[in-house]
PDB file of N, CA and C in Angstrom:
ATOM      1  N   MET A   1     -24.078  44.936 -17.067  1.00  0.00           N
ATOM      2  CA  MET A   1     -25.280  44.394 -16.980  1.00  0.00           C
ATOM      3  C   MET A   1     -25.121  42.747 -16.705  1.00  0.00           C
ATOM      4  N   ILE A   2     -25.832  42.163 -15.463  1.00  0.00           N
ATOM      5  CA  ILE A   2     -25.599  40.826 -15.517  1.00  0.00           C
ATOM      6  C   ILE A   2     -26.896  40.109 -15.564  1.00  0.00           C
ATOM      7  N   GLU A   3     -26.943  38.576 -16.682  1.00  0.00           N
ATOM      8  CA  GLU A   3     -28.052  38.184 -16.935  1.00  0.00           C
ATOM      9  C   GLU A   3     -28.524  37.883 -15.497  1.00  0.00           C
ATOM     10  N   ALA A   4     -29.960  37.562 -15.700  1.00  0.00           N
ATOM     11  CA  ALA A   4     -30.651  37.054 -15.060  1.00  0.00           C
ATOM     12  C   ALA A   4     -30.488  35.499 -15.193  1.00  0.00           C
ATOM     13  N   GLY A   5     -30.211  34.533 -13.728  1.00  0.00           N
ATOM     14  CA  GLY A   5     -29.903  33.134 -13.867  1.00  0.00           C
ATOM     15  C   GLY A   5     -30.067  32.295 -12.636  1.00  0.00           C
ATOM     16  N   PRO A   6     -29.382  31.378 -12.786  1.00  0.00           N
ATOM     17  CA  PRO A   6     -29.463  30.314 -11.486  1.00  0.00           C
ATOM     18  C   PRO A   6     -28.662  31.132 -10.111  1.00  0.00           C
ATOM     19  N   ARG A   7     -29.281  30.929  -9.144  1.00  0.00           N
ATOM     20  CA  ARG A   7     -28.493  31.667  -7.634  1.00  0.00           C
ATOM     21  C   ARG A   7     -26.667  31.258  -7.717  1.00  0.00           C
ATOM     22  N   LEU A   8     -26.366  30.084  -8.131  1.00  0.00           N
ATOM     23  CA  LEU A   8     -25.330  29.532  -8.241  1.00  0.00           C
ATOM     24  C   LEU A   8     -24.592  30.558  -9.144  1.00  0.00           C
ATOM     25  N   LYS A   9     -25.052  31.120 -10.285  1.00  0.00           N
ATOM     26  CA  LYS A   9     -24.064  31.660 -11.235  1.00  0.00           C
ATOM     27  C   LYS A   9     -24.226  33.276 -10.433  1.00  0.00           C
ATOM     28  N   LEU A  10     -25.004  33.567  -9.456  1.00  0.00           N
ATOM     29  CA  LEU A  10     -25.037  34.998  -9.069  1.00  0.00           C
ATOM     30  C   LEU A  10     -23.851  35.109  -8.238  1.00  0.00           C
ATOM     31  N   ALA A  11     -23.829  34.059  -7.104  1.00  0.00           N
ATOM     32  CA  ALA A  11     -22.710  33.629  -6.624  1.00  0.00           C
ATOM     33  C   ALA A  11     -21.301  33.777  -7.247  1.00  0.00           C
ATOM     34  N   GLN A  12     -21.040  33.353  -8.511  1.00  0.00           N
ATOM     35  CA  GLN A  12     -20.132  33.195  -9.307  1.00  0.00           C
ATOM     36  C   GLN A  12     -19.610  34.909  -9.685  1.00  0.00           C
ATOM     37  N   HIS A  13     -20.797  35.430  -9.940  1.00  0.00           N
ATOM     38  CA  HIS A  13     -20.408  37.096 -10.069  1.00  0.00           C
ATOM     39  C   HIS A  13     -20.343  37.758  -9.272  1.00  0.00           C
ATOM     40  N   ALA A  14     -20.704  37.452  -7.968  1.00  0.00           N
ATOM     41  CA  ALA A  14     -20.204  38.098  -6.737  1.00  0.00           C
ATOM     42  C   ALA A  14     -18.922  37.911  -6.084  1.00  0.00           C
ATOM     43  N   TYR A  15     -18.298  36.559  -6.658  1.00  0.00           N
ATOM     44  CA  TYR A  15     -17.032  36.663  -6.115  1.00  0.00           C
ATOM     45  C   TYR A  15     -15.909  37.115  -7.506  1.00  0.00           C
ATOM     46  N   GLY A  16     -16.456  37.259  -8.578  1.00  0.00           N
ATOM     47  CA  GLY A  16     -15.881  38.180  -9.379  1.00  0.00           C
ATOM     48  C   GLY A  16     -15.931  39.600  -9.279  1.00  0.00           C
ATOM     49  N   LEU A  17     -16.914  40.078  -8.998  1.00  0.00           N
ATOM     50  CA  LEU A  17     -16.993  41.575  -8.150  1.00  0.00           C
ATOM     51  C   LEU A  17     -16.097  41.653  -7.166  1.00  0.00           C
ATOM     52  N   ARG A  18     -16.070  40.551  -6.278  1.00  0.00           N
ATOM     53  CA  ARG A  18     -14.880  40.589  -5.218  1.00  0.00           C
ATOM     54  C   ARG A  18     -13.200  40.911  -5.575  1.00  0.00           C
ATOM     55  N   ARG A  19     -12.982  39.778  -6.279  1.00  0.00           N
ATOM     56  CA  ARG A  19     -11.836  39.420  -6.396  1.00  0.00           C
ATOM     57  C   ARG A  19     -11.365  40.156  -8.009  1.00  0.00           C
ATOM     58  N   GLY A  20     -12.412  40.691  -8.820  1.00  0.00           N
ATOM     59  CA  GLY A  20     -11.841  41.382 -10.004  1.00  0.00           C
ATOM     60  C   GLY A  20     -12.281  40.793 -11.188  1.00  0.00           C
ATOM     61  N   GLY A  21     -12.496  41.063 -12.167  1.00  0.00           N
ATOM     62  CA  GLY A  21     -12.535  40.297 -13.509  1.00  0.00           C
ATOM     63  C   GLY A  21     -14.119  40.023 -13.722  1.00  0.00           C
ATOM     64  N   VAL A  22     -14.947  40.548 -12.871  1.00  0.00           N
ATOM     65  CA  VAL A  22     -16.331  39.911 -13.415  1.00  0.00           C
ATOM     66  C   VAL A  22     -16.535  40.376 -14.859  1.00  0.00           C
ATOM     67  N   GLY A  23     -16.031  41.679 -15.461  1.00  0.00           N
ATOM     68  CA  GLY A  23     -16.632  41.823 -16.600  1.00  0.00           C
ATOM     69  C   GLY A  23     -16.187  40.550 -17.724  1.00  0.00           C
ATOM     70  N   GLU A  24     -15.381  39.750 -17.173  1.00  0.00           N
ATOM     71  CA  GLU A  24     -14.673  39.095 -18.390  1.00  0.00           C
ATOM     72  C   GLU A  24     -15.825  37.595 -18.328  1.00  0.00           C
ATOM     73  N   GLN A  25     -16.512  37.487 -17.335  1.00  0.00           N
ATOM     74  CA  GLN A  25     -17.520  36.103 -17.101  1.00  0.00           C
ATOM     75  C   GLN A  25     -18.260  36.283 -18.008  1.00  0.00           C
ATOM     76  N   GLU A  26     -18.798  34.991 -18.411  1.00  0.00           N
ATOM     77  CA  GLU A  26     -20.073  34.569 -19.479  1.00  0.00           C
ATOM     78  C   GLU A  26     -21.205  35.501 -18.825  1.00  0.00           C
ATOM     79  N   GLY A  27     -21.806  35.859 -19.533  1.00  0.00           N
ATOM     80  CA  GLY A  27     -23.243  36.213 -19.347  1.00  0.00           C
ATOM     81  C   GLY A  27     -23.065  37.976 -18.332  1.00  0.00           C
ATOM     82  N   VAL A  28     -22.064  38.336 -18.547  1.00  0.00           N
ATOM     83  CA  VAL A  28     -21.786  39.476 -18.047  1.00  0.00           C
ATOM     84  C   VAL A  28     -21.562  40.860 -19.239  1.00  0.00           C
ATOM     85  N   THR A  29     -22.433  41.773 -19.293  1.00  0.00           N
ATOM     86  CA  THR A  29     -22.150  42.937 -20.420  1.00  0.00           C
ATOM     87  C   THR A  29     -21.326  44.194 -19.979  1.00  0.00           C
ATOM     88  N   LYS A  30     -19.834  44.563 -20.279  1.00  0.00           N
ATOM     89  CA  LYS A  30     -19.261  45.702 -19.739  1.00  0.00           C
ATOM     90  C   LYS A  30     -19.266  46.745 -20.517  1.00  0.00           C
ATOM     91  N   VAL A  31     -19.547  47.975 -20.555  1.00  0.00           N
ATOM     92  CA  VAL A  31     -19.410  48.830 -21.320  1.00  0.00           C
ATOM     93  C   VAL A  31     -19.147  50.145 -20.257  1.00  0.00           C
ATOM     94  N   ARG A  32     -18.662  51.288 -20.998  1.00  0.00           N
ATOM     95  CA  ARG A  32     -18.524  52.461 -20.097  1.00  0.00           C
ATOM     96  C   ARG A  32     -19.377  53.559 -20.714  1.00  0.00           C
ATOM     97  N   CYS A  33     -20.303  54.089 -20.205  1.00  0.00           N
ATOM     98  CA  CYS A  33     -21.392  55.187 -20.792  1.00  0.00           C
ATOM     99  C   CYS A  33     -21.846  56.158 -19.212  1.00  0.00           C
ATOM    100  N   ALA A  34     -22.577  57.051 -20.008  1.00  0.00           N
ATOM    101  CA  ALA A  34     -23.131  58.150 -18.489  1.00  0.00           C
ATOM    102  C   ALA A  34     -24.340  57.940 -18.498  1.00  0.00           C
ATOM    103  N   GLU A  35     -24.691  57.278 -19.994  1.00  0.00           N
ATOM    104  CA  GLU A  35     -26.130  56.616 -19.720  1.00  0.00           C
ATOM    105  C   GLU A  35     -26.654  55.478 -20.611  1.00  0.00           C
ATOM    106  N   ALA A  36     -27.540  54.723 -19.937  1.00  0.00           N
ATOM    107  CA  ALA A  36     -27.995  53.773 -20.489  1.00  0.00           C
ATOM    108  C   ALA A  36     -29.541  53.251 -20.563  1.00  0.00           C
ATOM    109  N   GLU A  37     -29.740  52.808 -21.962  1.00  0.00           N
ATOM    110  CA  GLU A  37     -31.432  52.810 -21.876  1.00  0.00           C
ATOM    111  C   GLU A  37     -31.676  51.122 -22.144  1.00  0.00           C
ATOM    112  N   VAL A  38     -32.343  50.397 -21.163  1.00  0.00           N
ATOM    113  CA  VAL A  38     -32.658  48.928 -21.461  1.00  0.00           C
ATOM    114  C   VAL A  38     -34.070  48.815 -21.994  1.00  0.00           C
ATOM    115  N   GLU A  39     -34.552  48.614 -23.117  1.00  0.00           N
ATOM    116  CA  GLU A  39     -35.634  48.498 -24.047  1.00  0.00           C
ATOM    117  C   GLU A  39     -36.592  47.238 -23.665  1.00  0.00           C
ATOM    118  N   LEU A  40     -37.736  47.062 -23.274  1.00  0.00           N
ATOM    119  CA  LEU A  40     -38.381  46.057 -23.107  1.00  0.00           C
ATOM    120  C   LEU A  40     -39.587  45.767 -23.570  1.00  0.00           C
ATOM    121  N   ASP A  41     -40.575  44.815 -23.503  1.00  0.00           N
ATOM    122  CA  ASP A  41     -41.669  44.682 -24.136  1.00  0.00           C
ATOM    123  C   ASP A  41     -42.399  44.573 -22.848  1.00  0.00           C
ATOM    124  N   GLY A  42     -42.968  45.398 -22.270  1.00  0.00           N
ATOM    125  CA  GLY A  42     -43.919  45.343 -20.924  1.00  0.00           C
ATOM    126  C   GLY A  42     -43.230  45.460 -19.803  1.00  0.00           C
ATOM    127  N   VAL A  43     -43.687  45.053 -18.615  1.00  0.00           N
ATOM    128  CA  VAL A  43     -43.117  45.444 -17.187  1.00  0.00           C
ATOM    129  C   VAL A  43     -42.803  44.120 -16.857  1.00  0.00           C
ATOM    130  N   VAL A  44     -41.307  44.401 -16.447  1.00  0.00           N
ATOM    131  CA  VAL A  44     -40.612  43.449 -15.950  1.00  0.00           C
ATOM    132  C   VAL A  44     -40.253  43.928 -14.191  1.00  0.00           C
ATOM    133  N   PRO A  45     -39.820  42.727 -13.294  1.00  0.00           N
ATOM    134  CA  PRO A  45     -39.465  43.134 -11.882  1.00  0.00           C
ATOM    135  C   PRO A  45     -37.721  42.999 -12.320  1.00  0.00           C
ATOM    136  N   TRP A  46     -37.496  44.804 -11.825  1.00  0.00           N
ATOM    137  CA  TRP A  46     -35.861  45.013 -11.752  1.00  0.00           C
ATOM    138  C   TRP A  46     -35.657  44.608  -9.889  1.00  0.00           C
ATOM    139  N   ASN A  47     -34.310  44.009  -9.834  1.00  0.00           N
ATOM    140  CA  ASN A  47     -34.085  44.365  -8.497  1.00  0.00           C
ATOM    141  C   ASN A  47     -33.010  45.379  -8.180  1.00  0.00           C
ATOM    142  N   VAL A  48     -33.627  46.398  -7.383  1.00  0.00           N
ATOM    143  CA  VAL A  48     -32.480  47.321  -7.577  1.00  0.00           C
ATOM    144  C   VAL A  48     -32.323  47.558  -5.945  1.00  0.00           C
ATOM    145  N   ASP A  49     -31.145  47.475  -5.357  1.00  0.00           N
ATOM    146  CA  ASP A  49     -30.541  47.602  -3.810  1.00  0.00           C
ATOM    147  C   ASP A  49     -31.327  46.342  -3.044  1.00  0.00           C
ATOM    148  N   GLY A  50     -31.996  45.323  -3.869  1.00  0.00           N
ATOM    149  CA  GLY A  50     -32.486  44.149  -3.045  1.00  0.00           C
ATOM    150  C   GLY A  50     -33.856  44.320  -2.897  1.00  0.00           C
ATOM    151  N   GLU A  51     -34.845  45.373  -3.357  1.00  0.00           N
ATOM    152  CA  GLU A  51     -35.651  45.509  -3.453  1.00  0.00           C
ATOM    153  C   GLU A  51     -36.641  45.313  -4.939  1.00  0.00           C
ATOM    154  N   LEU A  52     -37.601  44.749  -5.519  1.00  0.00           N
ATOM    155  CA  LEU A  52     -38.162  44.529  -6.477  1.00  0.00           C
ATOM    156  C   LEU A  52     -39.228  45.550  -6.603  1.00  0.00           C
ATOM    157  N   VAL A  53     -38.368  46.070  -7.951  1.00  0.00           N
ATOM    158  CA  VAL A  53     -39.618  47.399  -8.573  1.00  0.00           C
ATOM    159  C   VAL A  53     -39.954  46.958 -10.016  1.00  0.00           C
ATOM    160  N   ASP A  54     -41.425  47.229 -10.388  1.00  0.00           N
ATOM    161  CA  ASP A  54     -41.607  46.616 -11.839  1.00  0.00           C
ATOM    162  C   ASP A  54     -41.803  48.127 -12.492  1.00  0.00           C
ATOM    163  N   ALA A  55     -41.209  47.588 -13.496  1.00  0.00           N
ATOM    164  CA  ALA A  55     -40.963  48.752 -14.597  1.00  0.00           C
ATOM    165  C   ALA A  55     -40.556  48.125 -16.081  1.00  0.00           C
ATOM    166  N   GLY A  56     -40.853  48.955 -17.043  1.00  0.00           N
ATOM    167  CA  GLY A  56     -40.791  48.541 -18.220  1.00  0.00           C
ATOM    168  C   GLY A  56     -39.212  49.609 -18.928  1.00  0.00           C
ATOM    169  N   THR A  57     -39.338  49.795 -20.163  1.00  0.00           N
ATOM    170  CA  THR A  57     -38.008  50.180 -20.381  1.00  0.00           C
ATOM    171  C   THR A  57     -37.766  51.268 -19.366  1.00  0.00           C
ATOM    172  N   THR A  58     -36.080  51.198 -19.195  1.00  0.00           N
ATOM    173  CA  THR A  58     -35.522  52.026 -18.067  1.00  0.00           C
ATOM    174  C   THR A  58     -34.372  52.716 -18.608  1.00  0.00           C
ATOM    175  N   THR A  59     -34.343  53.968 -18.136  1.00  0.00           N
ATOM    176  CA  THR A  59     -32.842  54.511 -18.828  1.00  0.00           C
ATOM    177  C   THR A  59     -32.206  54.908 -17.116  1.00  0.00           C
ATOM    178  N   PHE A  60     -31.097  54.130 -17.306  1.00  0.00           N
ATOM    179  CA  PHE A  60     -29.871  54.658 -16.258  1.00  0.00           C
ATOM    180  C   PHE A  60     -29.296  55.843 -16.382  1.00  0.00           C
ATOM    181  N   ARG A  61     -28.959  56.420 -15.522  1.00  0.00           N
ATOM    182  CA  ARG A  61     -28.003  57.955 -15.883  1.00  0.00           C
ATOM    183  C   ARG A  61     -26.669  57.714 -14.468  1.00  0.00           C
ATOM    184  N   VAL A  62     -25.635  58.278 -14.767  1.00  0.00           N
ATOM    185  CA  VAL A  62     -24.921  58.462 -14.042  1.00  0.00           C
ATOM    186  C   VAL A  62     -24.230  59.994 -14.102  1.00  0.00           C
ATOM    187  N   ASP A  63     -24.433  60.478 -12.731  1.00  0.00           N
ATOM    188  CA  ASP A  63     -23.710  62.081 -12.811  1.00  0.00           C
ATOM    189  C   ASP A  63     -22.332  61.919 -12.077  1.00  0.00           C
ATOM    190  N   PRO A  64     -21.476  62.099 -13.499  1.00  0.00           N
ATOM    191  CA  PRO A  64     -20.047  62.101 -12.957  1.00  0.00           C
ATOM    192  C   PRO A  64     -19.364  62.908 -11.995  1.00  0.00           C
ATOM    193  N   ASP A  65     -20.326  63.884 -11.549  1.00  0.00           N
ATOM    194  CA  ASP A  65     -19.769  64.851 -10.232  1.00  0.00           C
ATOM    195  C   ASP A  65     -20.439  64.139  -9.039  1.00  0.00           C
ATOM    196  N   ALA A  66     -21.310  63.186  -9.215  1.00  0.00           N
ATOM    197  CA  ALA A  66     -22.025  62.577  -8.019  1.00  0.00           C
ATOM    198  C   ALA A  66     -21.032  61.611  -7.056  1.00  0.00           C
ATOM    199  N   VAL A  67     -19.898  61.343  -7.418  1.00  0.00           N
ATOM    200  CA  VAL A  67     -19.087  60.736  -6.522  1.00  0.00           C
ATOM    201  C   VAL A  67     -17.322  60.838  -6.792  1.00  0.00           C
ATOM    202  N   GLU A  68     -16.658  60.853  -5.478  1.00  0.00           N
ATOM    203  CA  GLU A  68     -15.163  61.462  -5.715  1.00  0.00           C
ATOM    204  C   GLU A  68     -14.681  60.231  -5.132  1.00  0.00           C
ATOM    205  N   VAL A  69     -13.553  60.002  -5.980  1.00  0.00           N
ATOM    206  CA  VAL A  69     -12.971  58.711  -5.609  1.00  0.00           C
ATOM    207  C   VAL A  69     -11.556  59.401  -5.245  1.00  0.00           C
ATOM    208  N   VAL A  70     -10.899  58.567  -4.360  1.00  0.00           N
ATOM    209  CA  VAL A  70      -9.766  59.055  -3.531  1.00  0.00           C
ATOM    210  C   VAL A  70      -8.953  57.938  -3.718  1.00  0.00           C
ATOM    211  N   VAL A  71      -7.799  57.870  -4.445  1.00  0.00           N
ATOM    212  CA  VAL A  71      -6.646  56.900  -4.327  1.00  0.00           C
ATOM    213  C   VAL A  71      -5.393  57.048  -3.782  1.00  0.00           C
ATOM    214  N   GLY A  72      -4.904  56.275  -3.204  1.00  0.00           N
ATOM    215  CA  GLY A  72      -3.721  56.286  -3.050  1.00  0.00           C
ATOM    216  C   GLY A  72      -2.966  56.913  -1.129  1.00  0.00           C
TER     217      GLY A  72
END
C-alpha cells in the first residue's frame, strides 16, 4: 500500500514500480496475503484504476487462480 502524499512522491513510487524496489521506499507497506482489510472511520475516496470511489472500511481479496504467470 502506498500512502497518500504529494504528486512528486507518487512519481518516485512509479519509478520504483518500474525499476523494482518500490517495497523498500519510505511510505510503502509491503506484505503478502490473500486478503487485506483496511479499517477506516467514515467514508473516503479511493483511487481505483484512476476512478475515485467513495468507500469506508474495505476488504481486498485476491483469487490465486485468477492469474497465470508464465516465466521463461
